[in-house]
Amino acid sequence: MQHMKQAHPELSVDEARAALRGLEQQATPEAALALFDRLPTVRDTEMIGAWVGSEITTGHGLNGALGAFHWHGKRFEGPEA
C-alpha cells in the first residue's frame, strides 16, 4: 500500500494526544496514517533523548511484534547520530 500525505491542518499537541488515545485500542491503517499526516513537523533538536514507543493495533500482520521483541523505544543522540 502506497501512502501519499494529504493536506490537512496540523493538530495541536493536545489534539494529537487526544486523537492518539482514540486510536490506541483499534484503528484502521487509514486512520493511523491520517493522524500521522496531521502531526506537526518536529525539528531534530526536539527529538534528542530517550523515547518510549507503543503500538497502534491496525490489523497489520506484524501487530504485536514490537512487544514480542521487548522493543522499548529509540534514543536520539543528536542530528547526525
N, C-alpha and C. Protein backbone atom coordinates (compact mmCIF):
# COMPACT_ATOMS: atom_id res chain seq x y z
N MET A 1 0.85 -1.17 0.00
CA MET A 1 0.00 0.00 0.00
C MET A 1 0.89 1.24 0.00
N GLN A 2 0.74 2.08 -0.99
CA GLN A 2 1.49 3.33 -1.06
C GLN A 2 0.66 4.41 -0.40
N HIS A 3 1.34 5.25 0.40
CA HIS A 3 0.65 6.32 1.11
C HIS A 3 1.15 7.66 0.62
N MET A 4 0.22 8.51 0.24
CA MET A 4 0.55 9.87 -0.16
C MET A 4 -0.01 10.79 0.91
N LYS A 5 0.85 11.63 1.50
CA LYS A 5 0.43 12.53 2.55
C LYS A 5 -0.63 13.50 2.02
N GLN A 6 -1.72 13.63 2.76
CA GLN A 6 -2.81 14.52 2.40
C GLN A 6 -2.63 15.87 3.09
N ALA A 7 -3.11 16.92 2.49
CA ALA A 7 -3.02 18.26 3.08
C ALA A 7 -4.19 18.47 4.03
N HIS A 8 -3.88 18.58 5.31
CA HIS A 8 -4.87 18.85 6.36
C HIS A 8 -4.24 19.82 7.33
N PRO A 9 -5.07 20.56 8.06
CA PRO A 9 -4.48 21.43 9.08
C PRO A 9 -3.77 20.61 10.15
N GLU A 10 -2.63 21.14 10.63
CA GLU A 10 -1.89 20.45 11.68
C GLU A 10 -2.67 20.47 12.98
N LEU A 11 -2.50 19.41 13.77
CA LEU A 11 -3.12 19.31 15.09
C LEU A 11 -2.23 19.99 16.12
N SER A 12 -2.85 20.52 17.16
CA SER A 12 -2.07 21.00 18.30
C SER A 12 -1.59 19.77 19.07
N VAL A 13 -0.69 19.96 20.01
CA VAL A 13 -0.19 18.83 20.81
C VAL A 13 -1.34 18.17 21.56
N ASP A 14 -2.22 18.95 22.17
CA ASP A 14 -3.35 18.38 22.90
C ASP A 14 -4.30 17.62 21.98
N GLU A 15 -4.56 18.16 20.80
CA GLU A 15 -5.43 17.48 19.83
C GLU A 15 -4.79 16.17 19.37
N ALA A 16 -3.48 16.18 19.15
CA ALA A 16 -2.77 14.97 18.72
C ALA A 16 -2.82 13.91 19.80
N ARG A 17 -2.61 14.28 21.05
CA ARG A 17 -2.69 13.31 22.15
C ARG A 17 -4.08 12.70 22.25
N ALA A 18 -5.10 13.53 22.14
CA ALA A 18 -6.48 13.02 22.20
C ALA A 18 -6.77 12.08 21.03
N ALA A 19 -6.31 12.44 19.85
CA ALA A 19 -6.53 11.58 18.67
C ALA A 19 -5.80 10.25 18.83
N LEU A 20 -4.58 10.29 19.36
CA LEU A 20 -3.81 9.06 19.57
C LEU A 20 -4.51 8.16 20.58
N ARG A 21 -5.01 8.73 21.67
CA ARG A 21 -5.76 7.93 22.65
C ARG A 21 -6.95 7.24 22.00
N GLY A 22 -7.58 7.93 21.07
CA GLY A 22 -8.72 7.34 20.36
C GLY A 22 -8.35 6.18 19.47
N LEU A 23 -7.08 6.09 19.07
CA LEU A 23 -6.63 5.01 18.19
C LEU A 23 -5.95 3.87 18.95
N GLU A 24 -5.70 4.03 20.24
CA GLU A 24 -4.88 3.06 20.98
C GLU A 24 -5.45 1.65 21.01
N GLN A 25 -6.74 1.49 21.08
CA GLN A 25 -7.32 0.14 21.17
C GLN A 25 -7.43 -0.54 19.81
N GLN A 26 -7.89 0.18 18.81
CA GLN A 26 -8.07 -0.40 17.48
C GLN A 26 -8.18 0.73 16.47
N ALA A 27 -7.51 0.58 15.37
CA ALA A 27 -7.55 1.59 14.32
C ALA A 27 -7.36 0.94 12.97
N THR A 28 -7.85 1.57 11.96
CA THR A 28 -7.56 1.11 10.61
C THR A 28 -6.22 1.73 10.19
N PRO A 29 -5.53 1.12 9.24
CA PRO A 29 -4.31 1.75 8.74
C PRO A 29 -4.58 3.16 8.21
N GLU A 30 -5.72 3.35 7.57
CA GLU A 30 -6.06 4.66 7.02
C GLU A 30 -6.21 5.71 8.13
N ALA A 31 -6.83 5.33 9.26
CA ALA A 31 -7.00 6.26 10.38
C ALA A 31 -5.65 6.61 11.00
N ALA A 32 -4.77 5.62 11.14
CA ALA A 32 -3.44 5.88 11.70
C ALA A 32 -2.64 6.80 10.78
N LEU A 33 -2.68 6.56 9.48
CA LEU A 33 -1.96 7.41 8.54
C LEU A 33 -2.55 8.82 8.49
N ALA A 34 -3.86 8.93 8.60
CA ALA A 34 -4.49 10.26 8.61
C ALA A 34 -4.04 11.06 9.82
N LEU A 35 -3.91 10.41 10.97
CA LEU A 35 -3.40 11.11 12.16
C LEU A 35 -1.95 11.52 11.93
N PHE A 36 -1.14 10.61 11.44
CA PHE A 36 0.27 10.91 11.18
C PHE A 36 0.41 12.12 10.26
N ASP A 37 -0.43 12.19 9.24
CA ASP A 37 -0.38 13.29 8.28
C ASP A 37 -0.65 14.65 8.93
N ARG A 38 -1.40 14.65 10.02
CA ARG A 38 -1.79 15.91 10.65
C ARG A 38 -0.86 16.31 11.80
N LEU A 39 0.12 15.49 12.11
CA LEU A 39 1.04 15.84 13.19
C LEU A 39 1.98 16.95 12.73
N PRO A 40 2.33 17.85 13.63
CA PRO A 40 3.26 18.91 13.24
C PRO A 40 4.66 18.35 13.00
N THR A 41 5.41 19.02 12.17
CA THR A 41 6.79 18.65 11.91
C THR A 41 7.61 18.86 13.16
N VAL A 42 8.51 17.93 13.44
CA VAL A 42 9.37 18.01 14.62
C VAL A 42 10.79 18.30 14.16
N ARG A 43 11.42 19.28 14.78
CA ARG A 43 12.83 19.57 14.47
C ARG A 43 13.71 18.51 15.11
N ASP A 44 14.86 18.24 14.50
CA ASP A 44 15.76 17.22 15.03
C ASP A 44 16.18 17.52 16.46
N THR A 45 16.35 18.78 16.80
CA THR A 45 16.77 19.13 18.15
C THR A 45 15.70 18.82 19.20
N GLU A 46 14.45 18.70 18.76
CA GLU A 46 13.36 18.37 19.68
C GLU A 46 13.30 16.86 19.98
N MET A 47 14.02 16.08 19.22
CA MET A 47 13.95 14.63 19.36
C MET A 47 15.07 14.05 20.22
N ILE A 48 16.06 14.84 20.57
CA ILE A 48 17.21 14.33 21.31
C ILE A 48 16.77 13.79 22.67
N GLY A 49 17.24 12.59 22.97
CA GLY A 49 16.92 11.93 24.23
C GLY A 49 16.33 10.56 24.00
N ALA A 50 15.85 9.95 25.07
CA ALA A 50 15.26 8.61 25.00
C ALA A 50 13.75 8.72 24.85
N TRP A 51 13.20 7.93 23.93
CA TRP A 51 11.77 7.93 23.65
C TRP A 51 11.22 6.52 23.88
N VAL A 52 10.07 6.45 24.49
CA VAL A 52 9.38 5.19 24.70
C VAL A 52 8.24 5.11 23.70
N GLY A 53 8.17 4.01 22.99
CA GLY A 53 7.14 3.86 21.96
C GLY A 53 6.07 2.87 22.35
N SER A 54 5.06 2.82 21.52
CA SER A 54 3.97 1.85 21.70
C SER A 54 3.40 1.54 20.32
N GLU A 55 2.52 0.57 20.29
CA GLU A 55 1.90 0.15 19.03
C GLU A 55 0.48 0.66 18.92
N ILE A 56 0.07 0.89 17.70
CA ILE A 56 -1.34 1.12 17.39
C ILE A 56 -1.81 -0.13 16.65
N THR A 57 -2.81 -0.79 17.18
CA THR A 57 -3.33 -2.01 16.57
C THR A 57 -4.14 -1.66 15.33
N THR A 58 -3.62 -2.06 14.17
CA THR A 58 -4.29 -1.74 12.91
C THR A 58 -4.71 -3.00 12.14
N GLY A 59 -4.38 -4.16 12.68
CA GLY A 59 -4.67 -5.39 11.96
C GLY A 59 -3.56 -5.81 11.01
N HIS A 60 -2.46 -5.07 11.01
CA HIS A 60 -1.32 -5.41 10.18
C HIS A 60 -0.75 -6.75 10.63
N GLY A 61 -0.19 -7.49 9.73
CA GLY A 61 0.36 -8.80 10.03
C GLY A 61 1.47 -8.80 11.08
N LEU A 62 2.13 -7.68 11.28
CA LEU A 62 3.19 -7.59 12.28
C LEU A 62 2.73 -6.97 13.60
N ASN A 63 1.43 -6.72 13.75
CA ASN A 63 0.94 -6.21 15.03
C ASN A 63 1.35 -7.17 16.13
N GLY A 64 1.86 -6.62 17.22
CA GLY A 64 2.30 -7.42 18.34
C GLY A 64 3.77 -7.76 18.31
N ALA A 65 4.43 -7.55 17.17
CA ALA A 65 5.84 -7.91 17.05
C ALA A 65 6.73 -7.06 17.95
N LEU A 66 6.43 -5.76 18.08
CA LEU A 66 7.27 -4.91 18.91
C LEU A 66 7.27 -5.39 20.36
N GLY A 67 6.12 -5.73 20.88
CA GLY A 67 6.03 -6.25 22.25
C GLY A 67 6.71 -7.60 22.39
N ALA A 68 6.55 -8.45 21.39
CA ALA A 68 7.17 -9.78 21.44
C ALA A 68 8.69 -9.69 21.47
N PHE A 69 9.24 -8.65 20.84
CA PHE A 69 10.69 -8.45 20.83
C PHE A 69 11.15 -7.55 21.97
N HIS A 70 10.23 -7.21 22.87
CA HIS A 70 10.53 -6.35 24.02
C HIS A 70 11.12 -5.01 23.59
N TRP A 71 10.57 -4.48 22.48
CA TRP A 71 11.01 -3.19 21.98
C TRP A 71 10.58 -2.11 22.96
N HIS A 72 11.48 -1.22 23.27
CA HIS A 72 11.19 -0.17 24.25
C HIS A 72 11.03 1.19 23.60
N GLY A 73 11.85 1.50 22.65
CA GLY A 73 11.77 2.82 22.03
C GLY A 73 13.04 3.14 21.28
N LYS A 74 13.40 4.39 21.27
CA LYS A 74 14.52 4.86 20.47
C LYS A 74 15.24 5.94 21.24
N ARG A 75 16.54 6.02 21.09
CA ARG A 75 17.33 7.09 21.69
C ARG A 75 18.03 7.86 20.57
N PHE A 76 17.83 9.17 20.56
CA PHE A 76 18.48 10.05 19.60
C PHE A 76 19.57 10.81 20.31
N GLU A 77 20.80 10.66 19.86
CA GLU A 77 21.95 11.31 20.47
C GLU A 77 22.17 12.72 19.90
N GLY A 78 21.79 12.92 18.67
CA GLY A 78 21.99 14.22 18.02
C GLY A 78 21.58 14.13 16.58
N PRO A 79 21.61 15.22 15.86
CA PRO A 79 21.13 15.24 14.47
C PRO A 79 21.90 14.30 13.55
N GLU A 80 23.14 14.02 13.83
CA GLU A 80 23.94 13.17 12.95
C GLU A 80 24.12 11.76 13.48
N ALA A 81 23.62 11.49 14.68
CA ALA A 81 23.85 10.17 15.29
C ALA A 81 22.70 9.23 15.01
